[in-house]
């Protein structure tokens, strides 16, 4: 009989090998009761349905670039990272899950949209902080949320709770940075540097900051950040500088 523990371990292990190196498990109902109906996860008629949330640190970037280099379909896709994520998670789910399951991704439009930052907080993957960024006790805000896998199985009775770094942060430098970013957006909405400054203000995990090209691509989806030369992705692109004022991009998760 399929149970959540071994299933979660298998999914998390294979996801980490692919570059999605953050994972946590909980119950869909624990998240669903915190949001309005349009934002809820499917639960197969059971509040205790298992949900596995997958995310990443900067470890995603070299694996994604390698996949891009090897796959022409990814290189010509309108959003190669979203397509890579969908393919990777679907492959892992198909290989490991015998029960009914459903997949959700942050880039999906309603009625499939999920409040991924709240979901990550609900399952204990990361804390949703005062600047509306998810913060990991090790990596700080330098993480991205990529997928939710809901399975028709009972999930853990209580999601494990690790350290919540924002609770012990007295100065909260992200809060004034958020105010400055909002003020700047009113006069220069195309300038995303103040929003990046909100992330940089967090004192946790600064050594885990994304490299410049990963920052540039996650915030803008600018294909130049992939260093596409003659249709081939260059894995060394991480060493180049990101643009100073990229065009705006909206995301429903830590990018």
C-alpha atoms as a PDB file:
ATOM      1  CA  UNK A   1       0.000   0.000   0.000  1.00  0.00           C
ATOM      2  CA  UNK A   2       1.333   3.411  -0.988  1.00  0.00           C
ATOM      3  CA  UNK A   3       2.097   5.712   1.957  1.00  0.00           C
ATOM      4  CA  UNK A   4       3.237   9.303   2.051  1.00  0.00           C
ATOM      5  CA  UNK A   5       6.662   8.857   3.703  1.00  0.00           C
ATOM      6  CA  UNK A   6       8.467   6.637   1.171  1.00  0.00           C
ATOM      7  CA  UNK A   7       6.708   8.426  -1.683  1.00  0.00           C
ATOM      8  CA  UNK A   8       7.871  11.827  -0.469  1.00  0.00           C
ATOM      9  CA  UNK A   9      11.437  10.593  -0.015  1.00  0.00           C
ATOM     10  CA  UNK A  10      11.554   9.207  -3.562  1.00  0.00           C
ATOM     11  CA  UNK A  11      10.071  12.333  -5.128  1.00  0.00           C
ATOM     12  CA  UNK A  12      12.314  14.668  -3.112  1.00  0.00           C
ATOM     13  CA  UNK A  13      15.440  12.663  -3.964  1.00  0.00           C
ATOM     14  CA  UNK A  14      14.770  12.622  -7.702  1.00  0.00           C
ATOM     15  CA  UNK A  15      13.706  16.271  -7.718  1.00  0.00           C
ATOM     16  CA  UNK A  16      16.936  17.287  -5.964  1.00  0.00           C
ATOM     17  CA  UNK A  17      18.985  15.388  -8.536  1.00  0.00           C
ATOM     18  CA  UNK A  18      17.219  17.378 -11.257  1.00  0.00           C
ATOM     19  CA  UNK A  19      17.848  20.752  -9.563  1.00  0.00           C
ATOM     20  CA  UNK A  20      14.682  21.148  -7.480  1.00  0.00           C
ATOM     21  CA  UNK A  21      16.565  20.737  -4.227  1.00  0.00           C
ATOM     22  CA  UNK A  22      13.940  21.978  -1.745  1.00  0.00           C
ATOM     23  CA  UNK A  23      10.924  19.838  -0.826  1.00  0.00           C
ATOM     24  CA  UNK A  24       8.355  19.615   1.950  1.00  0.00           C
ATOM     25  CA  UNK A  25       5.187  17.614   2.530  1.00  0.00           C
ATOM     26  CA  UNK A  26       1.910  18.495   4.218  1.00  0.00           C
ATOM     27  CA  UNK A  27      -1.848  18.226   3.849  1.00  0.00           C
ATOM     28  CA  UNK A  28      -3.770  20.144   1.222  1.00  0.00           C
ATOM     29  CA  UNK A  29      -6.453  21.055   3.749  1.00  0.00           C
ATOM     30  CA  UNK A  30      -3.980  22.924   5.957  1.00  0.00           C
ATOM     31  CA  UNK A  31      -3.348  25.293   3.057  1.00  0.00           C
ATOM     32  CA  UNK A  32      -6.869  25.346   1.620  1.00  0.00           C
ATOM     33  CA  UNK A  33      -8.400  26.674   4.800  1.00  0.00           C
ATOM     34  CA  UNK A  34      -6.144  29.751   4.618  1.00  0.00           C
ATOM     35  CA  UNK A  35      -7.241  30.902   1.140  1.00  0.00           C
ATOM     36  CA  UNK A  36     -10.404  31.683  -0.794  1.00  0.00           C
ATOM     37  CA  UNK A  37     -11.899  29.023  -3.055  1.00  0.00           C
ATOM     38  CA  UNK A  38     -10.283  30.213  -6.331  1.00  0.00           C
ATOM     39  CA  UNK A  39      -6.825  29.649  -4.829  1.00  0.00           C
ATOM     40  CA  UNK A  40      -7.382  26.200  -3.352  1.00  0.00           C
ATOM     41  CA  UNK A  41      -5.649  22.984  -4.287  1.00  0.00           C
ATOM     42  CA  UNK A  42      -7.606  19.973  -5.539  1.00  0.00           C
ATOM     43  CA  UNK A  43      -7.941  17.460  -2.705  1.00  0.00           C
ATOM     44  CA  UNK A  44      -9.779  14.441  -4.189  1.00  0.00           C
ATOM     45  CA  UNK A  45     -12.535  14.954  -1.644  1.00  0.00           C
ATOM     46  CA  UNK A  46     -10.245  14.506   1.350  1.00  0.00           C
ATOM     47  CA  UNK A  47      -8.851  17.297   3.510  1.00  0.00           C
ATOM     48  CA  UNK A  48      -5.838  15.190   4.450  1.00  0.00           C
ATOM     49  CA  UNK A  49      -4.626  14.761   0.847  1.00  0.00           C
ATOM     50  CA  UNK A  50      -0.849  14.735   0.579  1.00  0.00           C
ATOM     51  CA  UNK A  51       0.764  17.776  -1.019  1.00  0.00           C
ATOM     52  CA  UNK A  52       4.450  17.894  -1.885  1.00  0.00           C
ATOM     53  CA  UNK A  53       5.887  21.334  -2.592  1.00  0.00           C
ATOM     54  CA  UNK A  54       9.036  21.529  -4.717  1.00  0.00           C
ATOM     55  CA  UNK A  55      11.388  24.475  -4.926  1.00  0.00           C
ATOM     56  CA  UNK A  56      15.014  25.286  -5.569  1.00  0.00           C
ATOM     57  CA  UNK A  57      18.063  27.249  -4.520  1.00  0.00           C
ATOM     58  CA  UNK A  58      20.817  28.450  -6.841  1.00  0.00           C
ATOM     59  CA  UNK A  59      21.504  24.741  -7.440  1.00  0.00           C
ATOM     60  CA  UNK A  60      18.827  24.788 -10.144  1.00  0.00           C
ATOM     61  CA  UNK A  61      20.745  26.981 -12.556  1.00  0.00           C
ATOM     62  CA  UNK A  62      23.547  24.708 -13.869  1.00  0.00           C
ATOM     63  CA  UNK A  63      21.121  21.813 -14.270  1.00  0.00           C
ATOM     64  CA  UNK A  64      18.614  23.957 -16.134  1.00  0.00           C
ATOM     65  CA  UNK A  65      21.306  25.363 -18.427  1.00  0.00           C
ATOM     66  CA  UNK A  66      22.566  21.826 -19.138  1.00  0.00           C
ATOM     67  CA  UNK A  67      19.031  20.724 -20.014  1.00  0.00           C
ATOM     68  CA  UNK A  68      18.625  23.756 -22.263  1.00  0.00           C
ATOM     69  CA  UNK A  69      21.875  22.939 -24.035  1.00  0.00           C
ATOM     70  CA  UNK A  70      20.701  19.376 -24.712  1.00  0.00           C
ATOM     71  CA  UNK A  71      17.121  20.046 -25.834  1.00  0.00           C
ATOM     72  CA  UNK A  72      16.200  22.182 -28.830  1.00  0.00           C
ATOM     73  CA  UNK A  73      12.502  22.175 -27.842  1.00  0.00           C
ATOM     74  CA  UNK A  74      13.439  23.943 -24.615  1.00  0.00           C
ATOM     75  CA  UNK A  75      15.617  26.452 -26.437  1.00  0.00           C
ATOM     76  CA  UNK A  76      12.796  27.547 -28.733  1.00  0.00           C
ATOM     77  CA  UNK A  77      10.084  27.494 -26.043  1.00  0.00           C
ATOM     78  CA  UNK A  78       8.503  30.818 -25.092  1.00  0.00           C
ATOM     79  CA  UNK A  79       9.400  30.120 -21.459  1.00  0.00           C
ATOM     80  CA  UNK A  80      11.995  27.349 -21.246  1.00  0.00           C
ATOM     81  CA  UNK A  81      12.181  27.303 -17.451  1.00  0.00           C
ATOM     82  CA  UNK A  82       8.446  26.792 -17.037  1.00  0.00           C
ATOM     83  CA  UNK A  83       8.454  24.066 -19.695  1.00  0.00           C
ATOM     84  CA  UNK A  84      11.470  22.368 -18.120  1.00  0.00           C
ATOM     85  CA  UNK A  85       9.759  22.477 -14.728  1.00  0.00           C
ATOM     86  CA  UNK A  86       6.536  20.965 -16.058  1.00  0.00           C
ATOM     87  CA  UNK A  87       8.380  18.173 -17.844  1.00  0.00           C
ATOM     88  CA  UNK A  88      10.662  17.409 -14.914  1.00  0.00           C
ATOM     89  CA  UNK A  89       7.914  17.275 -12.305  1.00  0.00           C
ATOM     90  CA  UNK A  90       5.581  15.267 -14.557  1.00  0.00           C
ATOM     91  CA  UNK A  91       8.338  12.729 -15.214  1.00  0.00           C
ATOM     92  CA  UNK A  92       9.084  12.321 -11.513  1.00  0.00           C
ATOM     93  CA  UNK A  93       5.398  12.038 -10.617  1.00  0.00           C
ATOM     94  CA  UNK A  94       4.716   9.446 -13.310  1.00  0.00           C
ATOM     95  CA  UNK A  95       7.680   7.352 -12.211  1.00  0.00           C
ATOM     96  CA  UNK A  96       6.779   7.308  -8.521  1.00  0.00           C
ATOM     97  CA  UNK A  97       3.054   7.805  -7.860  1.00  0.00           C
ATOM     98  CA  UNK A  98       0.532   4.980  -8.205  1.00  0.00           C
ATOM     99  CA  UNK A  99      -2.428   6.894  -6.735  1.00  0.00           C
ATOM    100  CA  UNK A 100      -4.397   9.721  -8.341  1.00  0.00           C
ATOM    101  CA  UNK A 101      -2.455  12.962  -8.375  1.00  0.00           C
ATOM    102  CA  UNK A 102      -2.643  16.521  -9.663  1.00  0.00           C
ATOM    103  CA  UNK A 103       0.119  18.983 -10.491  1.00  0.00           C
ATOM    104  CA  UNK A 104       0.081  22.744 -10.012  1.00  0.00           C
ATOM    105  CA  UNK A 105       2.663  25.343 -11.055  1.00  0.00           C
ATOM    106  CA  UNK A 106       3.091  29.017 -10.089  1.00  0.00           C
ATOM    107  CA  UNK A 107       2.874  30.210 -13.690  1.00  0.00           C
ATOM    108  CA  UNK A 108      -0.601  28.752 -14.253  1.00  0.00           C
ATOM    109  CA  UNK A 109      -3.562  31.067 -14.696  1.00  0.00           C
ATOM    110  CA  UNK A 110      -6.899  30.771 -12.849  1.00  0.00           C
ATOM    111  CA  UNK A 111      -8.665  28.499 -12.132  1.00  0.00           C
ATOM    112  CA  UNK A 112      -5.439  26.545 -11.513  1.00  0.00           C
ATOM    113  CA  UNK A 113      -3.603  29.323  -9.690  1.00  0.00           C
ATOM    114  CA  UNK A 114      -2.227  28.610  -6.215  1.00  0.00           C
ATOM    115  CA  UNK A 115      -0.842  31.044  -3.622  1.00  0.00           C
ATOM    116  CA  UNK A 116       2.508  29.283  -3.576  1.00  0.00           C
ATOM    117  CA  UNK A 117       4.118  31.438  -0.917  1.00  0.00           C
ATOM    118  CA  UNK A 118       1.293  30.675   1.516  1.00  0.00           C
ATOM    119  CA  UNK A 119       1.480  27.021   0.532  1.00  0.00           C
ATOM    120  CA  UNK A 120       5.228  26.895   1.226  1.00  0.00           C
ATOM    121  CA  UNK A 121       4.600  28.409   4.659  1.00  0.00           C
ATOM    122  CA  UNK A 122       1.750  25.983   5.391  1.00  0.00           C
ATOM    123  CA  UNK A 123       3.881  22.894   4.728  1.00  0.00           C
ATOM    124  CA  UNK A 124       6.966  24.247   6.495  1.00  0.00           C
ATOM    125  CA  UNK A 125       9.169  24.647   3.429  1.00  0.00           C
ATOM    126  CA  UNK A 126       9.907  28.309   4.171  1.00  0.00           C
ATOM    127  CA  UNK A 127       8.450  31.149   6.214  1.00  0.00           C
ATOM    128  CA  UNK A 128       6.365  33.809   4.500  1.00  0.00           C
ATOM    129  CA  UNK A 129       8.040  36.953   5.795  1.00  0.00           C
ATOM    130  CA  UNK A 130       6.851  40.534   6.322  1.00  0.00           C
ATOM    131  CA  UNK A 131       8.031  41.598   2.847  1.00  0.00           C
ATOM    132  CA  UNK A 132       5.975  38.799   1.267  1.00  0.00           C
ATOM    133  CA  UNK A 133       9.062  36.756   0.400  1.00  0.00           C
ATOM    134  CA  UNK A 134       9.493  33.175   1.528  1.00  0.00           C
ATOM    135  CA  UNK A 135      12.584  32.851   3.721  1.00  0.00           C
ATOM    136  CA  UNK A 136      14.496  29.645   4.406  1.00  0.00           C
ATOM    137  CA  UNK A 137      16.582  29.447   7.611  1.00  0.00           C
ATOM    138  CA  UNK A 138      19.694  28.541   5.585  1.00  0.00           C
ATOM    139  CA  UNK A 139      19.206  30.058   2.128  1.00  0.00           C
ATOM    140  CA  UNK A 140      17.215  33.091   3.206  1.00  0.00           C
ATOM    141  CA  UNK A 141      15.031  34.500   0.402  1.00  0.00           C
ATOM    142  CA  UNK A 142      17.217  32.919  -2.271  1.00  0.00           C
ATOM    143  CA  UNK A 143      14.808  30.199  -3.237  1.00  0.00           C
ATOM    144  CA  UNK A 144      12.138  29.677  -5.851  1.00  0.00           C
ATOM    145  CA  UNK A 145       8.866  27.757  -5.663  1.00  0.00           C
ATOM    146  CA  UNK A 146       8.214  25.621  -8.713  1.00  0.00           C
ATOM    147  CA  UNK A 147       5.500  22.994  -8.224  1.00  0.00           C
ATOM    148  CA  UNK A 148       2.923  21.333  -6.003  1.00  0.00           C
ATOM    149  CA  UNK A 149       2.087  17.644  -6.306  1.00  0.00           C
ATOM    150  CA  UNK A 150      -1.239  16.713  -4.693  1.00  0.00           C
ATOM    151  CA  UNK A 151      -1.776  12.974  -4.144  1.00  0.00           C
ATOM    152  CA  UNK A 152      -4.895  11.032  -3.177  1.00  0.00           C
ATOM    153  CA  UNK A 153      -3.214   9.717  -0.027  1.00  0.00           C
ATOM    154  CA  UNK A 154      -3.279  10.893   3.583  1.00  0.00           C
ATOM    155  CA  UNK A 155      -0.429  13.308   4.179  1.00  0.00           C
ATOM    156  CA  UNK A 156       1.511  13.861   7.415  1.00  0.00           C
ATOM    157  CA  UNK A 157      -0.678  14.633  10.416  1.00  0.00           C
ATOM    158  CA  UNK A 158       1.349  17.771  11.106  1.00  0.00           C
ATOM    159  CA  UNK A 159       3.780  19.456   8.756  1.00  0.00           C
ATOM    160  CA  UNK A 160       7.243  19.584  10.337  1.00  0.00           C
ATOM    161  CA  UNK A 161       8.148  23.074  11.468  1.00  0.00           C
ATOM    162  CA  UNK A 162      11.761  24.131  11.204  1.00  0.00           C
ATOM    163  CA  UNK A 163      13.230  27.435  12.370  1.00  0.00           C
ATOM    164  CA  UNK A 164      11.243  30.512  11.348  1.00  0.00           C
ATOM    165  CA  UNK A 165      13.982  33.080  10.746  1.00  0.00           C
ATOM    166  CA  UNK A 166      11.727  36.119  10.441  1.00  0.00           C
ATOM    167  CA  UNK A 167      10.317  35.619  13.937  1.00  0.00           C
ATOM    168  CA  UNK A 168      13.687  36.413  15.495  1.00  0.00           C
ATOM    169  CA  UNK A 169      14.571  39.286  13.169  1.00  0.00           C
ATOM    170  CA  UNK A 170      14.223  42.490  15.196  1.00  0.00           C
ATOM    171  CA  UNK A 171      15.395  45.065  12.646  1.00  0.00           C
ATOM    172  CA  UNK A 172      13.408  43.676   9.699  1.00  0.00           C
ATOM    173  CA  UNK A 173      15.366  45.612   7.056  1.00  0.00           C
ATOM    174  CA  UNK A 174      13.182  44.145   4.316  1.00  0.00           C
ATOM    175  CA  UNK A 175      10.202  46.221   5.470  1.00  0.00           C
ATOM    176  CA  UNK A 176      11.599  49.705   4.701  1.00  0.00           C
ATOM    177  CA  UNK A 177      13.139  48.273   1.521  1.00  0.00           C
ATOM    178  CA  UNK A 178       9.671  47.115   0.499  1.00  0.00           C
ATOM    179  CA  UNK A 179       8.293  50.604   1.108  1.00  0.00           C
ATOM    180  CA  UNK A 180      11.006  52.134  -1.067  1.00  0.00           C
ATOM    181  CA  UNK A 181      10.342  49.611  -3.822  1.00  0.00           C
ATOM    182  CA  UNK A 182       6.626  50.361  -3.780  1.00  0.00           C
ATOM    183  CA  UNK A 183       7.290  54.102  -3.950  1.00  0.00           C
ATOM    184  CA  UNK A 184       9.712  53.643  -6.833  1.00  0.00           C
ATOM    185  CA  UNK A 185       7.205  51.470  -8.689  1.00  0.00           C
ATOM    186  CA  UNK A 186       4.723  54.343  -8.657  1.00  0.00           C
ATOM    187  CA  UNK A 187       7.066  56.497 -10.758  1.00  0.00           C
ATOM    188  CA  UNK A 188       9.233  53.912 -12.550  1.00  0.00           C
ATOM    189  CA  UNK A 189       7.323  50.634 -12.840  1.00  0.00           C
ATOM    190  CA  UNK A 190       9.866  49.180 -15.284  1.00  0.00           C
ATOM    191  CA  UNK A 191      12.712  49.402 -12.765  1.00  0.00           C
ATOM    192  CA  UNK A 192      12.999  46.132 -10.849  1.00  0.00           C
ATOM    193  CA  UNK A 193      16.195  46.993  -9.002  1.00  0.00           C
ATOM    194  CA  UNK A 194      14.305  48.179  -5.884  1.00  0.00           C
ATOM    195  CA  UNK A 195      12.450  44.855  -5.740  1.00  0.00           C
ATOM    196  CA  UNK A 196      15.742  42.993  -5.908  1.00  0.00           C
ATOM    197  CA  UNK A 197      16.955  45.282  -3.115  1.00  0.00           C
ATOM    198  CA  UNK A 198      14.126  43.972  -0.914  1.00  0.00           C
ATOM    199  CA  UNK A 199      15.558  40.498  -1.279  1.00  0.00           C
ATOM    200  CA  UNK A 200      19.108  41.719  -0.746  1.00  0.00           C
ATOM    201  CA  UNK A 201      18.047  43.464   2.467  1.00  0.00           C
ATOM    202  CA  UNK A 202      17.396  40.138   4.198  1.00  0.00           C
ATOM    203  CA  UNK A 203      20.373  39.249   6.425  1.00  0.00           C
ATOM    204  CA  UNK A 204      19.736  35.499   6.151  1.00  0.00           C
ATOM    205  CA  UNK A 205      21.470  33.393   3.519  1.00  0.00           C
ATOM    206  CA  UNK A 206      23.386  36.129   1.731  1.00  0.00           C
ATOM    207  CA  UNK A 207      26.102  33.654   0.810  1.00  0.00           C
ATOM    208  CA  UNK A 208      23.451  31.692  -1.105  1.00  0.00           C
ATOM    209  CA  UNK A 209      22.466  34.592  -3.374  1.00  0.00           C
ATOM    210  CA  UNK A 210      21.743  33.636  -6.969  1.00  0.00           C
ATOM    211  CA  UNK A 211      24.472  34.355  -9.479  1.00  0.00           C
ATOM    212  CA  UNK A 212      23.970  37.415 -11.708  1.00  0.00           C
ATOM    213  CA  UNK A 213      22.527  35.574 -14.694  1.00  0.00           C
ATOM    214  CA  UNK A 214      20.159  33.545 -12.561  1.00  0.00           C
ATOM    215  CA  UNK A 215      18.976  36.762 -10.926  1.00  0.00           C
ATOM    216  CA  UNK A 216      18.548  38.400 -14.316  1.00  0.00           C
ATOM    217  CA  UNK A 217      16.582  35.559 -15.841  1.00  0.00           C
ATOM    218  CA  UNK A 218      14.334  34.869 -12.864  1.00  0.00           C
ATOM    219  CA  UNK A 219      13.304  38.508 -12.626  1.00  0.00           C
ATOM    220  CA  UNK A 220      12.903  39.246 -16.335  1.00  0.00           C
ATOM    221  CA  UNK A 221      12.826  36.043 -18.402  1.00  0.00           C
ATOM    222  CA  UNK A 222      15.358  37.881 -20.575  1.00  0.00           C
ATOM    223  CA  UNK A 223      16.728  35.211 -22.910  1.00  0.00           C
ATOM    224  CA  UNK A 224      20.052  37.035 -23.059  1.00  0.00           C
ATOM    225  CA  UNK A 225      20.645  35.738 -19.538  1.00  0.00           C
ATOM    226  CA  UNK A 226      20.742  32.221 -20.993  1.00  0.00           C
ATOM    227  CA  UNK A 227      23.586  33.285 -23.287  1.00  0.00           C
ATOM    228  CA  UNK A 228      22.116  31.694 -26.375  1.00  0.00           C
ATOM    229  CA  UNK A 229      24.791  31.637 -29.046  1.00  0.00           C
ATOM    230  CA  UNK A 230      23.943  30.006 -32.376  1.00  0.00           C
ATOM    231  CA  UNK A 231      21.022  28.316 -30.631  1.00  0.00           C
ATOM    232  CA  UNK A 232      23.191  26.742 -27.914  1.00  0.00           C
ATOM    233  CA  UNK A 233      23.000  27.579 -24.237  1.00  0.00           C
ATOM    234  CA  UNK A 234      26.290  28.460 -22.581  1.00  0.00           C
ATOM    235  CA  UNK A 235      26.632  27.014 -19.039  1.00  0.00           C
ATOM    236  CA  UNK A 236      29.342  29.597 -18.323  1.00  0.00           C
ATOM    237  CA  UNK A 237      26.746  32.364 -18.591  1.00  0.00           C
ATOM    238  CA  UNK A 238      26.505  32.461 -14.792  1.00  0.00           C
ATOM    239  CA  UNK A 239      29.679  34.541 -14.726  1.00  0.00           C
ATOM    240  CA  UNK A 240      28.364  37.439 -16.804  1.00  0.00           C
ATOM    241  CA  UNK A 241      26.699  40.534 -15.399  1.00  0.00           C
ATOM    242  CA  UNK A 242      22.946  40.957 -15.218  1.00  0.00           C
ATOM    243  CA  UNK A 243      21.244  44.039 -16.713  1.00  0.00           C
ATOM    244  CA  UNK A 244      20.938  47.012 -14.413  1.00  0.00           C
ATOM    245  CA  UNK A 245      17.302  47.815 -15.145  1.00  0.00           C
ATOM    246  CA  UNK A 246      15.404  44.825 -16.536  1.00  0.00           C
ATOM    247  CA  UNK A 247      11.788  45.040 -17.710  1.00  0.00           C
ATOM    248  CA  UNK A 248       9.113  44.029 -15.210  1.00  0.00           C
ATOM    249  CA  UNK A 249       7.861  40.502 -14.660  1.00  0.00           C
ATOM    250  CA  UNK A 250       5.114  39.325 -12.328  1.00  0.00           C
ATOM    251  CA  UNK A 251       5.506  36.045 -10.475  1.00  0.00           C
ATOM    252  CA  UNK A 252       3.387  34.298  -7.865  1.00  0.00           C
ATOM    253  CA  UNK A 253       6.374  32.862  -6.008  1.00  0.00           C
ATOM    254  CA  UNK A 254       9.855  33.781  -4.956  1.00  0.00           C
ATOM    255  CA  UNK A 255      11.399  33.843  -8.453  1.00  0.00           C
END
